[in-house]
Amino acid sequence: MLKANGLGYHYPNKNWLFHKLDLSIHPGEVVGLYGESGAGKSTLARIMAGFLKPNRGNIMVENEQYPIKGVHPVQLILQHPEKAVNPRWRMGKILSEGGIPEDSLLKAFGIQEEWLSRFPSEISGGELQRFCLARAFKPTTKYLIADEITTMLDAVTQAQIWQTVLEITRQRGIGILAISHDLYLLKRVCDRIIQFNDKQELL
């Protein structure tokens, strides 16, 4: 289980973005976190993935408290994939960072061999997001934090990516925290939905 206990965070000399926040995700469960833009959801995503330390509270994954040593079992996927890659690297090098993904993953995400020799600026946003997702599904990945991962994409690409993500996570028993301001999308993909800050389950 991925579990947050009494989390609180604020920027220096600012009000709390959230405090006393409890959240749990079971293996294979898709939990939606719904809230408007600017509410602090992306900050929570970075905390849940171990990139940012909360001001109070703690996070446990598989009974181990953050910070995690070694390969992290929680992977973060950002809304803007171009921010998650080195623009000077070719896609083949980016993809193999931290280990070479299985061929079945590349096929599932529709990654074409000719894309591997290109730079990030030479492929579309949807294609780049597919690379980031394939890279995140390491053999050690237990949970995925999906922060508005298809917001910038067209409806067809959005549906294709989510279908693939859900198929892989179900096969592997990976839990997902799906963060979005799109309640319609969350209702389509999630087992349950929590309204950010109100901590009220919507589904």
C-alpha atoms as a PDB file:
ATOM      1  CA  MET A   1       0.000   0.000   0.000  1.00  0.00           C
ATOM      2  CA  LEU A   2       1.043   3.599  -0.675  1.00  0.00           C
ATOM      3  CA  LYS A   3      -0.129   5.645   2.287  1.00  0.00           C
ATOM      4  CA  ALA A   4       0.180   9.312   3.253  1.00  0.00           C
ATOM      5  CA  ASN A   5      -0.354  10.146   6.914  1.00  0.00           C
ATOM      6  CA  GLY A   6      -1.200  13.670   8.076  1.00  0.00           C
ATOM      7  CA  LEU A   7       0.615  15.413   5.225  1.00  0.00           C
ATOM      8  CA  GLY A   8       1.001  19.168   5.326  1.00  0.00           C
ATOM      9  CA  TYR A   9       2.854  21.509   3.011  1.00  0.00           C
ATOM     10  CA  HIS A  10       3.329  25.237   2.569  1.00  0.00           C
ATOM     11  CA  TYR A  11       5.845  27.380   0.743  1.00  0.00           C
ATOM     12  CA  PRO A  12       7.968  29.768   2.859  1.00  0.00           C
ATOM     13  CA  ASN A  13       5.877  32.579   4.356  1.00  0.00           C
ATOM     14  CA  LYS A  14       2.727  31.256   2.667  1.00  0.00           C
ATOM     15  CA  ASN A  15      -0.485  29.652   3.907  1.00  0.00           C
ATOM     16  CA  TRP A  16      -0.863  25.887   3.975  1.00  0.00           C
ATOM     17  CA  LEU A  17      -1.595  24.355   0.573  1.00  0.00           C
ATOM     18  CA  PHE A  18      -2.937  21.385   2.502  1.00  0.00           C
ATOM     19  CA  HIS A  19      -2.568  19.973   5.991  1.00  0.00           C
ATOM     20  CA  LYS A  20      -3.593  16.849   7.896  1.00  0.00           C
ATOM     21  CA  LEU A  21      -4.063  15.044   4.578  1.00  0.00           C
ATOM     22  CA  ASP A  22      -4.474  11.269   4.650  1.00  0.00           C
ATOM     23  CA  LEU A  23      -4.447   9.234   1.455  1.00  0.00           C
ATOM     24  CA  SER A  24      -4.081   5.546   0.632  1.00  0.00           C
ATOM     25  CA  ILE A  25      -3.746   3.575  -2.598  1.00  0.00           C
ATOM     26  CA  HIS A  26      -3.889  -0.213  -2.701  1.00  0.00           C
ATOM     27  CA  PRO A  27      -2.011  -2.345  -5.247  1.00  0.00           C
ATOM     28  CA  GLY A  28      -3.959  -2.405  -8.499  1.00  0.00           C
ATOM     29  CA  GLU A  29      -6.290   0.410  -7.407  1.00  0.00           C
ATOM     30  CA  VAL A  30      -6.848   3.576  -9.446  1.00  0.00           C
ATOM     31  CA  VAL A  31      -7.588   6.525  -7.155  1.00  0.00           C
ATOM     32  CA  GLY A  32      -8.567   9.864  -8.664  1.00  0.00           C
ATOM     33  CA  LEU A  33      -7.679  13.193  -7.085  1.00  0.00           C
ATOM     34  CA  TYR A  34      -9.962  15.919  -8.377  1.00  0.00           C
ATOM     35  CA  GLY A  35      -9.417  19.644  -7.956  1.00  0.00           C
ATOM     36  CA  GLU A  36      -9.132  22.893  -9.843  1.00  0.00           C
ATOM     37  CA  SER A  37      -5.864  24.161 -11.310  1.00  0.00           C
ATOM     38  CA  GLY A  38      -3.627  25.906  -8.780  1.00  0.00           C
ATOM     39  CA  ALA A  39      -5.028  24.019  -5.793  1.00  0.00           C
ATOM     40  CA  GLY A  40      -1.728  22.297  -4.964  1.00  0.00           C
ATOM     41  CA  LYS A  41      -2.343  18.927  -6.630  1.00  0.00           C
ATOM     42  CA  SER A  42       0.986  18.938  -8.483  1.00  0.00           C
ATOM     43  CA  THR A  43       2.815  19.749  -5.254  1.00  0.00           C
ATOM     44  CA  LEU A  44       1.150  16.747  -3.644  1.00  0.00           C
ATOM     45  CA  ALA A  45       2.167  14.625  -6.644  1.00  0.00           C
ATOM     46  CA  ARG A  46       5.827  15.558  -6.161  1.00  0.00           C
ATOM     47  CA  ILE A  47       5.583  14.754  -2.451  1.00  0.00           C
ATOM     48  CA  MET A  48       3.922  11.379  -3.073  1.00  0.00           C
ATOM     49  CA  ALA A  49       6.696  10.494  -5.544  1.00  0.00           C
ATOM     50  CA  GLY A  50       9.446  11.499  -3.119  1.00  0.00           C
ATOM     51  CA  PHE A  51      10.674  14.572  -5.018  1.00  0.00           C
ATOM     52  CA  LEU A  52       9.559  17.021  -2.334  1.00  0.00           C
ATOM     53  CA  LYS A  53       9.561  16.710   1.439  1.00  0.00           C
ATOM     54  CA  PRO A  54       6.363  17.641   3.314  1.00  0.00           C
ATOM     55  CA  ASN A  55       6.438  20.105   6.195  1.00  0.00           C
ATOM     56  CA  ARG A  56       4.575  17.591   8.318  1.00  0.00           C
ATOM     57  CA  GLY A  57       3.397  14.002   8.102  1.00  0.00           C
ATOM     58  CA  ASN A  58       4.970  11.006   6.400  1.00  0.00           C
ATOM     59  CA  ILE A  59       4.529   8.581   3.507  1.00  0.00           C
ATOM     60  CA  MET A  60       4.845   4.808   3.600  1.00  0.00           C
ATOM     61  CA  VAL A  61       5.137   2.476   0.621  1.00  0.00           C
ATOM     62  CA  GLU A  62       4.994  -1.275   1.233  1.00  0.00           C
ATOM     63  CA  ASN A  63       5.641  -0.558   4.944  1.00  0.00           C
ATOM     64  CA  GLU A  64       8.800   1.438   4.205  1.00  0.00           C
ATOM     65  CA  GLN A  65       8.895   5.114   5.151  1.00  0.00           C
ATOM     66  CA  TYR A  66      10.193   7.824   2.826  1.00  0.00           C
ATOM     67  CA  PRO A  67      12.903   8.638   1.870  1.00  0.00           C
ATOM     68  CA  ILE A  68      13.423   5.405  -0.066  1.00  0.00           C
ATOM     69  CA  LYS A  69      16.919   4.094  -0.730  1.00  0.00           C
ATOM     70  CA  GLY A  70      17.721   2.661  -4.155  1.00  0.00           C
ATOM     71  CA  VAL A  71      15.277   2.412  -7.062  1.00  0.00           C
ATOM     72  CA  HIS A  72      12.040   4.150  -6.091  1.00  0.00           C
ATOM     73  CA  PRO A  73       8.868   2.030  -6.403  1.00  0.00           C
ATOM     74  CA  VAL A  74       6.748   5.154  -7.009  1.00  0.00           C
ATOM     75  CA  GLN A  75       7.102   6.819 -10.412  1.00  0.00           C
ATOM     76  CA  LEU A  76       5.847  10.297 -11.345  1.00  0.00           C
ATOM     77  CA  ILE A  77       4.513  11.211 -14.797  1.00  0.00           C
ATOM     78  CA  LEU A  78       4.184  14.946 -15.452  1.00  0.00           C
ATOM     79  CA  GLN A  79       1.648  16.904 -17.479  1.00  0.00           C
ATOM     80  CA  HIS A  80       4.418  18.360 -19.654  1.00  0.00           C
ATOM     81  CA  PRO A  81       6.685  15.477 -20.772  1.00  0.00           C
ATOM     82  CA  GLU A  82       9.259  17.863 -22.244  1.00  0.00           C
ATOM     83  CA  LYS A  83      10.137  18.863 -18.663  1.00  0.00           C
ATOM     84  CA  ALA A  84      11.000  15.262 -17.795  1.00  0.00           C
ATOM     85  CA  VAL A  85      13.589  14.618 -20.517  1.00  0.00           C
ATOM     86  CA  ASN A  86      17.011  15.922 -21.522  1.00  0.00           C
ATOM     87  CA  PRO A  87      16.465  17.886 -24.760  1.00  0.00           C
ATOM     88  CA  ARG A  88      20.031  17.097 -25.889  1.00  0.00           C
ATOM     89  CA  TRP A  89      19.531  13.340 -25.716  1.00  0.00           C
ATOM     90  CA  ARG A  90      18.059  11.197 -28.454  1.00  0.00           C
ATOM     91  CA  MET A  91      14.912   9.297 -27.534  1.00  0.00           C
ATOM     92  CA  GLY A  92      16.682   5.935 -27.460  1.00  0.00           C
ATOM     93  CA  LYS A  93      19.012   7.155 -24.717  1.00  0.00           C
ATOM     94  CA  ILE A  94      16.143   8.779 -22.819  1.00  0.00           C
ATOM     95  CA  LEU A  95      14.126   5.577 -22.986  1.00  0.00           C
ATOM     96  CA  SER A  96      16.956   3.396 -21.662  1.00  0.00           C
ATOM     97  CA  GLU A  97      17.746   5.725 -18.754  1.00  0.00           C
ATOM     98  CA  GLY A  98      17.508   3.565 -15.654  1.00  0.00           C
ATOM     99  CA  GLY A  99      17.117   0.350 -17.664  1.00  0.00           C
ATOM    100  CA  ILE A 100      15.895  -0.773 -21.069  1.00  0.00           C
ATOM    101  CA  PRO A 101      12.092  -1.290 -21.157  1.00  0.00           C
ATOM    102  CA  GLU A 102      10.654  -4.558 -22.408  1.00  0.00           C
ATOM    103  CA  ASP A 103       9.770  -4.774 -26.096  1.00  0.00           C
ATOM    104  CA  SER A 104       6.176  -5.517 -25.093  1.00  0.00           C
ATOM    105  CA  LEU A 105       5.972  -2.093 -23.424  1.00  0.00           C
ATOM    106  CA  LEU A 106       7.208  -0.299 -26.521  1.00  0.00           C
ATOM    107  CA  LYS A 107       4.674  -2.168 -28.618  1.00  0.00           C
ATOM    108  CA  ALA A 108       1.852  -1.460 -26.162  1.00  0.00           C
ATOM    109  CA  PHE A 109       2.535   2.282 -26.276  1.00  0.00           C
ATOM    110  CA  GLY A 110       2.962   2.275 -30.053  1.00  0.00           C
ATOM    111  CA  ILE A 111       6.560   3.498 -29.923  1.00  0.00           C
ATOM    112  CA  GLN A 112       8.075   3.179 -33.386  1.00  0.00           C
ATOM    113  CA  GLU A 113      11.702   2.241 -33.951  1.00  0.00           C
ATOM    114  CA  GLU A 114      12.426   5.304 -36.106  1.00  0.00           C
ATOM    115  CA  TRP A 115      11.503   7.579 -33.188  1.00  0.00           C
ATOM    116  CA  LEU A 116      14.468   6.296 -31.163  1.00  0.00           C
ATOM    117  CA  SER A 117      17.000   8.280 -33.199  1.00  0.00           C
ATOM    118  CA  ARG A 118      15.087  11.544 -32.861  1.00  0.00           C
ATOM    119  CA  PHE A 119      15.405  14.345 -30.314  1.00  0.00           C
ATOM    120  CA  PRO A 120      12.445  15.306 -28.088  1.00  0.00           C
ATOM    121  CA  SER A 121      11.785  18.404 -30.213  1.00  0.00           C
ATOM    122  CA  GLU A 122      11.333  16.183 -33.276  1.00  0.00           C
ATOM    123  CA  ILE A 123       8.348  14.189 -31.997  1.00  0.00           C
ATOM    124  CA  SER A 124       4.865  15.207 -30.864  1.00  0.00           C
ATOM    125  CA  GLY A 125       3.736  15.735 -27.281  1.00  0.00           C
ATOM    126  CA  GLY A 126       1.692  12.546 -27.376  1.00  0.00           C
ATOM    127  CA  GLU A 127       4.636  10.545 -28.680  1.00  0.00           C
ATOM    128  CA  LEU A 128       6.920  12.028 -26.022  1.00  0.00           C
ATOM    129  CA  GLN A 129       4.436  11.177 -23.268  1.00  0.00           C
ATOM    130  CA  ARG A 130       4.386   7.572 -24.487  1.00  0.00           C
ATOM    131  CA  PHE A 131       8.172   7.433 -24.006  1.00  0.00           C
ATOM    132  CA  CYS A 132       7.882   8.849 -20.484  1.00  0.00           C
ATOM    133  CA  LEU A 133       5.246   6.278 -19.568  1.00  0.00           C
ATOM    134  CA  ALA A 134       7.206   3.353 -21.003  1.00  0.00           C
ATOM    135  CA  ARG A 135      10.260   4.525 -19.055  1.00  0.00           C
ATOM    136  CA  ALA A 136       8.215   4.706 -15.837  1.00  0.00           C
ATOM    137  CA  PHE A 137       7.002   1.108 -16.003  1.00  0.00           C
ATOM    138  CA  LYS A 138      10.167  -0.403 -14.573  1.00  0.00           C
ATOM    139  CA  PRO A 139      10.025  -3.962 -13.178  1.00  0.00           C
ATOM    140  CA  THR A 140      10.329  -2.381  -9.716  1.00  0.00           C
ATOM    141  CA  THR A 141       7.458   0.099 -10.177  1.00  0.00           C
ATOM    142  CA  LYS A 142       4.601  -0.501  -7.725  1.00  0.00           C
ATOM    143  CA  TYR A 143       2.729   2.809  -7.951  1.00  0.00           C
ATOM    144  CA  LEU A 144       2.288   5.494 -10.581  1.00  0.00           C
ATOM    145  CA  ILE A 145       1.532   9.151  -9.850  1.00  0.00           C
ATOM    146  CA  ALA A 146      -0.163  10.444 -13.010  1.00  0.00           C
ATOM    147  CA  ASP A 147      -0.347  14.241 -12.824  1.00  0.00           C
ATOM    148  CA  GLU A 148      -2.639  15.517 -15.613  1.00  0.00           C
ATOM    149  CA  ILE A 149      -0.800  13.185 -17.986  1.00  0.00           C
ATOM    150  CA  THR A 150      -3.138  13.624 -20.975  1.00  0.00           C
ATOM    151  CA  THR A 151      -4.485  17.142 -20.420  1.00  0.00           C
ATOM    152  CA  MET A 152      -2.542  18.661 -23.323  1.00  0.00           C
ATOM    153  CA  LEU A 153      -3.416  15.873 -25.778  1.00  0.00           C
ATOM    154  CA  ASP A 154      -6.306  15.417 -28.193  1.00  0.00           C
ATOM    155  CA  ALA A 155      -9.223  13.180 -27.196  1.00  0.00           C
ATOM    156  CA  VAL A 156      -8.159  10.214 -29.355  1.00  0.00           C
ATOM    157  CA  THR A 157      -4.574  10.172 -28.048  1.00  0.00           C
ATOM    158  CA  GLN A 158      -5.848  10.664 -24.500  1.00  0.00           C
ATOM    159  CA  ALA A 159      -8.102   7.612 -24.772  1.00  0.00           C
ATOM    160  CA  GLN A 160      -5.356   5.473 -26.334  1.00  0.00           C
ATOM    161  CA  ILE A 161      -2.818   6.328 -23.646  1.00  0.00           C
ATOM    162  CA  TRP A 162      -5.197   5.731 -20.751  1.00  0.00           C
ATOM    163  CA  GLN A 163      -6.367   2.427 -22.206  1.00  0.00           C
ATOM    164  CA  THR A 164      -2.758   1.235 -22.418  1.00  0.00           C
ATOM    165  CA  VAL A 165      -1.872   2.498 -18.936  1.00  0.00           C
ATOM    166  CA  LEU A 166      -4.871   0.758 -17.367  1.00  0.00           C
ATOM    167  CA  GLU A 167      -4.166  -2.524 -19.164  1.00  0.00           C
ATOM    168  CA  ILE A 168      -0.552  -2.585 -17.968  1.00  0.00           C
ATOM    169  CA  THR A 169      -1.336  -1.595 -14.388  1.00  0.00           C
ATOM    170  CA  ARG A 170      -4.052  -4.248 -14.122  1.00  0.00           C
ATOM    171  CA  GLN A 171      -1.701  -6.919 -15.430  1.00  0.00           C
ATOM    172  CA  ARG A 172       1.038  -5.927 -12.988  1.00  0.00           C
ATOM    173  CA  GLY A 173      -1.082  -4.923  -9.992  1.00  0.00           C
ATOM    174  CA  ILE A 174       0.278  -1.363 -10.020  1.00  0.00           C
ATOM    175  CA  GLY A 175      -1.654   1.287  -8.098  1.00  0.00           C
ATOM    176  CA  ILE A 176      -2.313   4.692  -9.643  1.00  0.00           C
ATOM    177  CA  LEU A 177      -2.978   8.137  -8.226  1.00  0.00           C
ATOM    178  CA  ALA A 178      -4.625   9.913 -11.171  1.00  0.00           C
ATOM    179  CA  ILE A 179      -4.595  13.681 -10.651  1.00  0.00           C
ATOM    180  CA  SER A 180      -6.822  15.863 -12.810  1.00  0.00           C
ATOM    181  CA  HIS A 181      -9.222  18.799 -12.991  1.00  0.00           C
ATOM    182  CA  ASP A 182     -11.251  16.751 -15.509  1.00  0.00           C
ATOM    183  CA  LEU A 183     -13.916  14.982 -13.457  1.00  0.00           C
ATOM    184  CA  TYR A 184     -15.359  13.242 -16.532  1.00  0.00           C
ATOM    185  CA  LEU A 185     -11.997  11.611 -17.261  1.00  0.00           C
ATOM    186  CA  LEU A 186     -11.536  10.501 -13.662  1.00  0.00           C
ATOM    187  CA  LYS A 187     -14.987   8.899 -13.596  1.00  0.00           C
ATOM    188  CA  ARG A 188     -14.015   6.868 -16.663  1.00  0.00           C
ATOM    189  CA  VAL A 189     -10.716   5.511 -15.340  1.00  0.00           C
ATOM    190  CA  CYS A 190     -10.845   5.473 -11.518  1.00  0.00           C
ATOM    191  CA  ASP A 191     -12.141   3.056  -8.909  1.00  0.00           C
ATOM    192  CA  ARG A 192     -12.805   5.974  -6.567  1.00  0.00           C
ATOM    193  CA  ILE A 193     -12.326   9.728  -6.630  1.00  0.00           C
ATOM    194  CA  ILE A 194     -11.344  12.106  -3.840  1.00  0.00           C
ATOM    195  CA  GLN A 195     -11.983  15.835  -4.030  1.00  0.00           C
ATOM    196  CA  PHE A 196      -8.752  17.613  -3.171  1.00  0.00           C
ATOM    197  CA  ASN A 197      -8.765  19.620   0.086  1.00  0.00           C
ATOM    198  CA  ASP A 198     -12.339  18.575   0.902  1.00  0.00           C
ATOM    199  CA  LYS A 199     -11.140  14.940   1.134  1.00  0.00           C
ATOM    200  CA  GLN A 200     -14.630  13.884   0.104  1.00  0.00           C
ATOM    201  CA  GLU A 201     -15.081  10.770  -2.008  1.00  0.00           C
ATOM    202  CA  LEU A 202     -17.066  11.538  -5.165  1.00  0.00           C
ATOM    203  CA  LEU A 203     -17.303   8.015  -6.581  1.00  0.00           C
END
